[in-house]
């Protein structure tokens, strides 16, 4: 598998760590983007007990998803949306 394929599946945090350790010159198929557009989604951040978050992070990893996605899925199921 090409390295750049793997990049598409990274969270923002994983990508940040990755690019701290790598350089664009390592990849033949990565090109500089001159224009980028994106839309921000407003989010509300809440406090989660660190021990509980550790369990959530482990569960998310086993399910190959992000902690945010897993928490949002569970909360949506709980409130019936």
PDB file of N, CA and C in Angstrom:
ATOM      1  N   UNK A   1       0.843  -1.188   0.000  1.00  0.00           N
ATOM      2  CA  UNK A   1       0.000   0.000   0.000  1.00  0.00           C
ATOM      3  C   UNK A   1       0.883   1.244   0.000  1.00  0.00           C
ATOM      4  N   UNK A   2       0.533   2.214  -0.810  1.00  0.00           N
ATOM      5  CA  UNK A   2       1.289   3.453  -0.846  1.00  0.00           C
ATOM      6  C   UNK A   2       1.103   4.204   0.470  1.00  0.00           C
ATOM      7  N   UNK A   3       2.135   4.938   0.862  1.00  0.00           N
ATOM      8  CA  UNK A   3       2.051   5.735   2.086  1.00  0.00           C
ATOM      9  C   UNK A   3       0.926   6.753   1.996  1.00  0.00           C
ATOM     10  N   UNK A   4       0.760   7.409   0.835  1.00  0.00           N
ATOM     11  CA  UNK A   4      -0.238   8.454   0.702  1.00  0.00           C
ATOM     12  C   UNK A   4      -1.662   7.916   0.816  1.00  0.00           C
ATOM     13  N   UNK A   5      -1.910   6.664   0.459  1.00  0.00           N
ATOM     14  CA  UNK A   5      -3.232   6.062   0.626  1.00  0.00           C
ATOM     15  C   UNK A   5      -3.584   6.026   2.109  1.00  0.00           C
ATOM     16  N   UNK A   6      -2.614   5.656   2.921  1.00  0.00           N
ATOM     17  CA  UNK A   6      -2.816   5.570   4.359  1.00  0.00           C
ATOM     18  C   UNK A   6      -3.159   6.937   4.948  1.00  0.00           C
ATOM     19  N   UNK A   7      -2.623   7.995   4.397  1.00  0.00           N
ATOM     20  CA  UNK A   7      -2.860   9.342   4.906  1.00  0.00           C
ATOM     21  C   UNK A   7      -4.333   9.726   4.858  1.00  0.00           C
ATOM     22  N   UNK A   8      -5.051   9.213   3.874  1.00  0.00           N
ATOM     23  CA  UNK A   8      -6.461   9.567   3.716  1.00  0.00           C
ATOM     24  C   UNK A   8      -7.309   9.106   4.894  1.00  0.00           C
ATOM     25  N   UNK A   9      -6.871   8.094   5.608  1.00  0.00           N
ATOM     26  CA  UNK A   9      -7.650   7.535   6.705  1.00  0.00           C
ATOM     27  C   UNK A   9      -7.257   8.071   8.073  1.00  0.00           C
ATOM     28  N   UNK A  10      -6.379   9.066   8.126  1.00  0.00           N
ATOM     29  CA  UNK A  10      -5.896   9.587   9.401  1.00  0.00           C
ATOM     30  C   UNK A  10      -6.805  10.672   9.950  1.00  0.00           C
ATOM     31  N   UNK A  11      -6.856  10.741  11.277  1.00  0.00           N
ATOM     32  CA  UNK A  11      -7.525  11.865  11.917  1.00  0.00           C
ATOM     33  C   UNK A  11      -6.609  13.087  11.809  1.00  0.00           C
ATOM     34  N   UNK A  12      -7.117  14.240  12.141  1.00  0.00           N
ATOM     35  CA  UNK A  12      -6.316  15.457  12.115  1.00  0.00           C
ATOM     36  C   UNK A  12      -5.111  15.311  13.039  1.00  0.00           C
ATOM     37  N   UNK A  13      -5.328  14.719  14.193  1.00  0.00           N
ATOM     38  CA  UNK A  13      -4.255  14.560  15.174  1.00  0.00           C
ATOM     39  C   UNK A  13      -3.183  13.589  14.671  1.00  0.00           C
ATOM     40  N   UNK A  14      -3.610  12.496  14.075  1.00  0.00           N
ATOM     41  CA  UNK A  14      -2.662  11.522  13.516  1.00  0.00           C
ATOM     42  C   UNK A  14      -1.863  12.143  12.370  1.00  0.00           C
ATOM     43  N   UNK A  15      -2.546  12.903  11.522  1.00  0.00           N
ATOM     44  CA  UNK A  15      -1.868  13.543  10.400  1.00  0.00           C
ATOM     45  C   UNK A  15      -0.849  14.564  10.899  1.00  0.00           C
ATOM     46  N   UNK A  16      -1.198  15.300  11.939  1.00  0.00           N
ATOM     47  CA  UNK A  16      -0.275  16.276  12.504  1.00  0.00           C
ATOM     48  C   UNK A  16       0.996  15.595  12.999  1.00  0.00           C
ATOM     49  N   UNK A  17       0.830  14.507  13.722  1.00  0.00           N
ATOM     50  CA  UNK A  17       1.986  13.750  14.210  1.00  0.00           C
ATOM     51  C   UNK A  17       2.801  13.184  13.038  1.00  0.00           C
ATOM     52  N   UNK A  18       2.094  12.674  12.037  1.00  0.00           N
ATOM     53  CA  UNK A  18       2.767  12.098  10.869  1.00  0.00           C
ATOM     54  C   UNK A  18       3.654  13.131  10.182  1.00  0.00           C
ATOM     55  N   UNK A  19       3.090  14.325   9.924  1.00  0.00           N
ATOM     56  CA  UNK A  19       3.846  15.334   9.181  1.00  0.00           C
ATOM     57  C   UNK A  19       4.941  15.969  10.031  1.00  0.00           C
ATOM     58  N   UNK A  20       4.868  15.826  11.352  1.00  0.00           N
ATOM     59  CA  UNK A  20       5.985  16.252  12.200  1.00  0.00           C
ATOM     60  C   UNK A  20       7.208  15.385  11.942  1.00  0.00           C
ATOM     61  N   UNK A  21       6.989  14.159  11.496  1.00  0.00           N
ATOM     62  CA  UNK A  21       8.076  13.200  11.302  1.00  0.00           C
ATOM     63  C   UNK A  21       8.410  12.931   9.830  1.00  0.00           C
ATOM     64  N   UNK A  22       7.615  13.453   8.881  1.00  0.00           N
ATOM     65  CA  UNK A  22       7.828  13.173   7.464  1.00  0.00           C
ATOM     66  C   UNK A  22       7.868  14.459   6.657  1.00  0.00           C
ATOM     67  N   UNK A  23       8.259  14.330   5.412  1.00  0.00           N
ATOM     68  CA  UNK A  23       8.374  15.461   4.505  1.00  0.00           C
ATOM     69  C   UNK A  23       7.700  15.110   3.177  1.00  0.00           C
ATOM     70  N   UNK A  24       7.157  16.123   2.492  1.00  0.00           N
ATOM     71  CA  UNK A  24       6.498  15.896   1.206  1.00  0.00           C
ATOM     72  C   UNK A  24       7.412  15.230   0.188  1.00  0.00           C
ATOM     73  N   UNK A  25       8.696  15.477   0.301  1.00  0.00           N
ATOM     74  CA  UNK A  25       9.625  14.929  -0.681  1.00  0.00           C
ATOM     75  C   UNK A  25       9.704  13.401  -0.631  1.00  0.00           C
ATOM     76  N   UNK A  26       9.159  12.786   0.410  1.00  0.00           N
ATOM     77  CA  UNK A  26       9.161  11.328   0.530  1.00  0.00           C
ATOM     78  C   UNK A  26       8.117  10.668  -0.377  1.00  0.00           C
ATOM     79  N   UNK A  27       7.213  11.464  -0.939  1.00  0.00           N
ATOM     80  CA  UNK A  27       6.084  10.923  -1.689  1.00  0.00           C
ATOM     81  C   UNK A  27       6.072  11.455  -3.111  1.00  0.00           C
ATOM     82  N   UNK A  28       5.971  10.534  -4.059  1.00  0.00           N
ATOM     83  CA  UNK A  28       5.933  10.923  -5.466  1.00  0.00           C
ATOM     84  C   UNK A  28       4.576  11.479  -5.884  1.00  0.00           C
ATOM     85  N   UNK A  29       3.504  10.997  -5.247  1.00  0.00           N
ATOM     86  CA  UNK A  29       2.163  11.356  -5.700  1.00  0.00           C
ATOM     87  C   UNK A  29       1.505  12.457  -4.867  1.00  0.00           C
ATOM     88  N   UNK A  30       2.253  13.124  -3.996  1.00  0.00           N
ATOM     89  CA  UNK A  30       1.710  14.223  -3.199  1.00  0.00           C
ATOM     90  C   UNK A  30       2.179  15.529  -3.820  1.00  0.00           C
ATOM     91  N   UNK A  31       1.214  16.394  -4.103  1.00  0.00           N
ATOM     92  CA  UNK A  31       1.534  17.675  -4.723  1.00  0.00           C
ATOM     93  C   UNK A  31       1.013  18.811  -3.848  1.00  0.00           C
ATOM     94  N   UNK A  32       1.663  19.943  -3.948  1.00  0.00           N
ATOM     95  CA  UNK A  32       1.248  21.114  -3.194  1.00  0.00           C
ATOM     96  C   UNK A  32      -0.085  21.627  -3.732  1.00  0.00           C
ATOM     97  N   UNK A  33      -0.960  21.982  -2.836  1.00  0.00           N
ATOM     98  CA  UNK A  33      -2.268  22.510  -3.212  1.00  0.00           C
ATOM     99  C   UNK A  33      -2.186  24.029  -3.153  1.00  0.00           C
ATOM    100  N   UNK A  34      -2.608  24.676  -4.231  1.00  0.00           N
ATOM    101  CA  UNK A  34      -2.539  26.132  -4.263  1.00  0.00           C
ATOM    102  C   UNK A  34      -3.791  26.776  -3.688  1.00  0.00           C
ATOM    103  N   UNK A  35      -4.903  26.090  -3.809  1.00  0.00           N
ATOM    104  CA  UNK A  35      -6.149  26.642  -3.280  1.00  0.00           C
ATOM    105  C   UNK A  35      -6.888  25.524  -2.565  1.00  0.00           C
ATOM    106  N   UNK A  36      -7.385  25.847  -1.396  1.00  0.00           N
ATOM    107  CA  UNK A  36      -8.140  24.846  -0.648  1.00  0.00           C
ATOM    108  C   UNK A  36      -9.385  25.507  -0.067  1.00  0.00           C
ATOM    109  N   UNK A  37     -10.482  24.782  -0.127  1.00  0.00           N
ATOM    110  CA  UNK A  37     -11.736  25.267   0.438  1.00  0.00           C
ATOM    111  C   UNK A  37     -12.259  24.242   1.412  1.00  0.00           C
ATOM    112  N   UNK A  38     -12.790  24.701   2.500  1.00  0.00           N
ATOM    113  CA  UNK A  38     -13.411  23.807   3.460  1.00  0.00           C
ATOM    114  C   UNK A  38     -14.426  24.601   4.263  1.00  0.00           C
ATOM    115  N   UNK A  39     -15.340  23.894   4.861  1.00  0.00           N
ATOM    116  CA  UNK A  39     -16.327  24.559   5.707  1.00  0.00           C
ATOM    117  C   UNK A  39     -16.174  24.026   7.128  1.00  0.00           C
ATOM    118  N   UNK A  40     -16.240  24.941   8.049  1.00  0.00           N
ATOM    119  CA  UNK A  40     -16.095  24.571   9.450  1.00  0.00           C
ATOM    120  C   UNK A  40     -17.453  24.169  10.020  1.00  0.00           C
ATOM    121  N   UNK A  41     -17.422  23.177  10.871  1.00  0.00           N
ATOM    122  CA  UNK A  41     -18.625  22.744  11.555  1.00  0.00           C
ATOM    123  C   UNK A  41     -18.466  23.113  13.020  1.00  0.00           C
ATOM    124  N   UNK A  42     -19.403  23.874  13.530  1.00  0.00           N
ATOM    125  CA  UNK A  42     -19.330  24.291  14.921  1.00  0.00           C
ATOM    126  C   UNK A  42     -19.544  23.078  15.819  1.00  0.00           C
ATOM    127  N   UNK A  43     -18.678  22.943  16.813  1.00  0.00           N
ATOM    128  CA  UNK A  43     -18.775  21.833  17.750  1.00  0.00           C
ATOM    129  C   UNK A  43     -18.713  22.351  19.167  1.00  0.00           C
ATOM    130  N   UNK A  44     -19.277  21.603  20.072  1.00  0.00           N
ATOM    131  CA  UNK A  44     -19.227  21.903  21.501  1.00  0.00           C
ATOM    132  C   UNK A  44     -18.384  20.833  22.160  1.00  0.00           C
ATOM    133  N   UNK A  45     -17.376  21.237  22.875  1.00  0.00           N
ATOM    134  CA  UNK A  45     -16.516  20.276  23.553  1.00  0.00           C
ATOM    135  C   UNK A  45     -16.904  20.177  25.017  1.00  0.00           C
ATOM    136  N   UNK A  46     -16.946  18.945  25.507  1.00  0.00           N
ATOM    137  CA  UNK A  46     -17.336  18.691  26.890  1.00  0.00           C
ATOM    138  C   UNK A  46     -16.228  17.914  27.597  1.00  0.00           C
ATOM    139  N   UNK A  47     -16.244  18.013  28.908  1.00  0.00           N
ATOM    140  CA  UNK A  47     -15.253  17.295  29.694  1.00  0.00           C
ATOM    141  C   UNK A  47     -15.635  15.831  29.855  1.00  0.00           C
ATOM    142  N   UNK A  48     -14.657  14.957  29.717  1.00  0.00           N
ATOM    143  CA  UNK A  48     -14.864  13.524  29.902  1.00  0.00           C
ATOM    144  C   UNK A  48     -13.811  13.047  30.895  1.00  0.00           C
ATOM    145  N   UNK A  49     -14.225  12.245  31.839  1.00  0.00           N
ATOM    146  CA  UNK A  49     -13.311  11.683  32.817  1.00  0.00           C
ATOM    147  C   UNK A  49     -12.150  10.994  32.084  1.00  0.00           C
ATOM    148  N   UNK A  50     -10.899  11.261  32.474  1.00  0.00           N
ATOM    149  CA  UNK A  50      -9.749  10.680  31.770  1.00  0.00           C
ATOM    150  C   UNK A  50      -9.765   9.149  31.702  1.00  0.00           C
ATOM    151  N   UNK A  51     -10.194   8.492  32.767  1.00  0.00           N
ATOM    152  CA  UNK A  51     -10.247   7.022  32.756  1.00  0.00           C
ATOM    153  C   UNK A  51     -11.278   6.529  31.744  1.00  0.00           C
ATOM    154  N   UNK A  52     -12.426   7.208  31.685  1.00  0.00           N
ATOM    155  CA  UNK A  52     -13.459   6.842  30.724  1.00  0.00           C
ATOM    156  C   UNK A  52     -12.967   7.101  29.296  1.00  0.00           C
ATOM    157  N   UNK A  53     -12.288   8.227  29.102  1.00  0.00           N
ATOM    158  CA  UNK A  53     -11.773   8.549  27.772  1.00  0.00           C
ATOM    159  C   UNK A  53     -10.764   7.510  27.295  1.00  0.00           C
ATOM    160  N   UNK A  54      -9.962   7.002  28.188  1.00  0.00           N
ATOM    161  CA  UNK A  54      -8.999   5.957  27.831  1.00  0.00           C
ATOM    162  C   UNK A  54      -9.723   4.729  27.297  1.00  0.00           C
ATOM    163  N   UNK A  55     -10.815   4.364  27.944  1.00  0.00           N
ATOM    164  CA  UNK A  55     -11.605   3.210  27.487  1.00  0.00           C
ATOM    165  C   UNK A  55     -12.244   3.489  26.122  1.00  0.00           C
ATOM    166  N   UNK A  56     -12.752   4.710  25.954  1.00  0.00           N
ATOM    167  CA  UNK A  56     -13.367   5.096  24.683  1.00  0.00           C
ATOM    168  C   UNK A  56     -12.326   5.058  23.565  1.00  0.00           C
ATOM    169  N   UNK A  57     -11.142   5.575  23.839  1.00  0.00           N
ATOM    170  CA  UNK A  57     -10.074   5.592  22.840  1.00  0.00           C
ATOM    171  C   UNK A  57      -9.702   4.171  22.415  1.00  0.00           C
ATOM    172  N   UNK A  58      -9.600   3.258  23.375  1.00  0.00           N
ATOM    173  CA  UNK A  58      -9.276   1.862  23.064  1.00  0.00           C
ATOM    174  C   UNK A  58     -10.376   1.218  22.228  1.00  0.00           C
ATOM    175  N   UNK A  59     -11.633   1.477  22.602  1.00  0.00           N
ATOM    176  CA  UNK A  59     -12.767   0.915  21.858  1.00  0.00           C
ATOM    177  C   UNK A  59     -12.793   1.457  20.429  1.00  0.00           C
ATOM    178  N   UNK A  60     -12.565   2.761  20.285  1.00  0.00           N
ATOM    179  CA  UNK A  60     -12.546   3.377  18.955  1.00  0.00           C
ATOM    180  C   UNK A  60     -11.451   2.758  18.092  1.00  0.00           C
ATOM    181  N   UNK A  61     -10.311   2.511  18.699  1.00  0.00           N
ATOM    182  CA  UNK A  61      -9.208   1.916  17.944  1.00  0.00           C
ATOM    183  C   UNK A  61      -9.569   0.520  17.454  1.00  0.00           C
ATOM    184  N   UNK A  62     -10.217  -0.284  18.301  1.00  0.00           N
ATOM    185  CA  UNK A  62     -10.609  -1.632  17.879  1.00  0.00           C
ATOM    186  C   UNK A  62     -11.658  -1.591  16.776  1.00  0.00           C
ATOM    187  N   UNK A  63     -12.469  -0.526  16.756  1.00  0.00           N
ATOM    188  CA  UNK A  63     -13.507  -0.376  15.728  1.00  0.00           C
ATOM    189  C   UNK A  63     -13.012   0.393  14.504  1.00  0.00           C
ATOM    190  N   UNK A  64     -11.737   0.779  14.507  1.00  0.00           N
ATOM    191  CA  UNK A  64     -11.127   1.522  13.398  1.00  0.00           C
ATOM    192  C   UNK A  64     -11.877   2.811  13.093  1.00  0.00           C
ATOM    193  N   UNK A  65     -12.145   3.567  14.145  1.00  0.00           N
ATOM    194  CA  UNK A  65     -12.814   4.856  13.999  1.00  0.00           C
ATOM    195  C   UNK A  65     -12.171   5.846  14.961  1.00  0.00           C
ATOM    196  N   UNK A  66     -12.594   7.095  14.894  1.00  0.00           N
ATOM    197  CA  UNK A  66     -12.061   8.099  15.812  1.00  0.00           C
ATOM    198  C   UNK A  66     -12.906   8.141  17.082  1.00  0.00           C
ATOM    199  N   UNK A  67     -12.308   8.686  18.126  1.00  0.00           N
ATOM    200  CA  UNK A  67     -13.037   8.833  19.377  1.00  0.00           C
ATOM    201  C   UNK A  67     -14.264   9.726  19.181  1.00  0.00           C
ATOM    202  N   UNK A  68     -14.083  10.835  18.454  1.00  0.00           N
ATOM    203  CA  UNK A  68     -15.193  11.753  18.199  1.00  0.00           C
ATOM    204  C   UNK A  68     -16.357  11.059  17.503  1.00  0.00           C
ATOM    205  N   UNK A  69     -16.043  10.291  16.474  1.00  0.00           N
ATOM    206  CA  UNK A  69     -17.097   9.593  15.728  1.00  0.00           C
ATOM    207  C   UNK A  69     -17.830   8.593  16.603  1.00  0.00           C
ATOM    208  N   UNK A  70     -17.086   7.861  17.398  1.00  0.00           N
ATOM    209  CA  UNK A  70     -17.698   6.856  18.260  1.00  0.00           C
ATOM    210  C   UNK A  70     -18.587   7.501  19.317  1.00  0.00           C
ATOM    211  N   UNK A  71     -18.092   8.543  19.961  1.00  0.00           N
ATOM    212  CA  UNK A  71     -18.882   9.242  20.987  1.00  0.00           C
ATOM    213  C   UNK A  71     -20.145   9.826  20.373  1.00  0.00           C
ATOM    214  N   UNK A  72     -20.026  10.468  19.214  1.00  0.00           N
ATOM    215  CA  UNK A  72     -21.205  11.043  18.552  1.00  0.00           C
ATOM    216  C   UNK A  72     -22.215   9.970  18.172  1.00  0.00           C
ATOM    217  N   UNK A  73     -21.728   8.826  17.699  1.00  0.00           N
ATOM    218  CA  UNK A  73     -22.621   7.713  17.345  1.00  0.00           C
ATOM    219  C   UNK A  73     -23.378   7.231  18.574  1.00  0.00           C
ATOM    220  N   UNK A  74     -22.643   7.009  19.665  1.00  0.00           N
ATOM    221  CA  UNK A  74     -23.281   6.543  20.892  1.00  0.00           C
ATOM    222  C   UNK A  74     -24.293   7.553  21.445  1.00  0.00           C
ATOM    223  N   UNK A  75     -23.938   8.812  21.439  1.00  0.00           N
ATOM    224  CA  UNK A  75     -24.861   9.837  21.948  1.00  0.00           C
ATOM    225  C   UNK A  75     -26.091   9.954  21.071  1.00  0.00           C
ATOM    226  N   UNK A  76     -25.903   9.864  19.751  1.00  0.00           N
ATOM    227  CA  UNK A  76     -27.052   9.918  18.844  1.00  0.00           C
ATOM    228  C   UNK A  76     -27.998   8.750  19.084  1.00  0.00           C
ATOM    229  N   UNK A  77     -27.451   7.562  19.297  1.00  0.00           N
ATOM    230  CA  UNK A  77     -28.282   6.389  19.589  1.00  0.00           C
ATOM    231  C   UNK A  77     -29.025   6.576  20.907  1.00  0.00           C
ATOM    232  N   UNK A  78     -28.352   7.152  21.878  1.00  0.00           N
ATOM    233  CA  UNK A  78     -28.953   7.323  23.209  1.00  0.00           C
ATOM    234  C   UNK A  78     -30.121   8.313  23.193  1.00  0.00           C
ATOM    235  N   UNK A  79     -29.989   9.397  22.445  1.00  0.00           N
ATOM    236  CA  UNK A  79     -31.053  10.401  22.418  1.00  0.00           C
ATOM    237  C   UNK A  79     -32.063  10.150  21.299  1.00  0.00           C
ATOM    238  N   UNK A  80     -31.819   9.135  20.481  1.00  0.00           N
ATOM    239  CA  UNK A  80     -32.792   8.746  19.465  1.00  0.00           C
ATOM    240  C   UNK A  80     -32.809   9.597  18.228  1.00  0.00           C
ATOM    241  N   UNK A  81     -31.645  10.045  17.768  1.00  0.00           N
ATOM    242  CA  UNK A  81     -31.615  10.831  16.528  1.00  0.00           C
ATOM    243  C   UNK A  81     -30.979  10.035  15.416  1.00  0.00           C
TER     244      UNK A  81
END
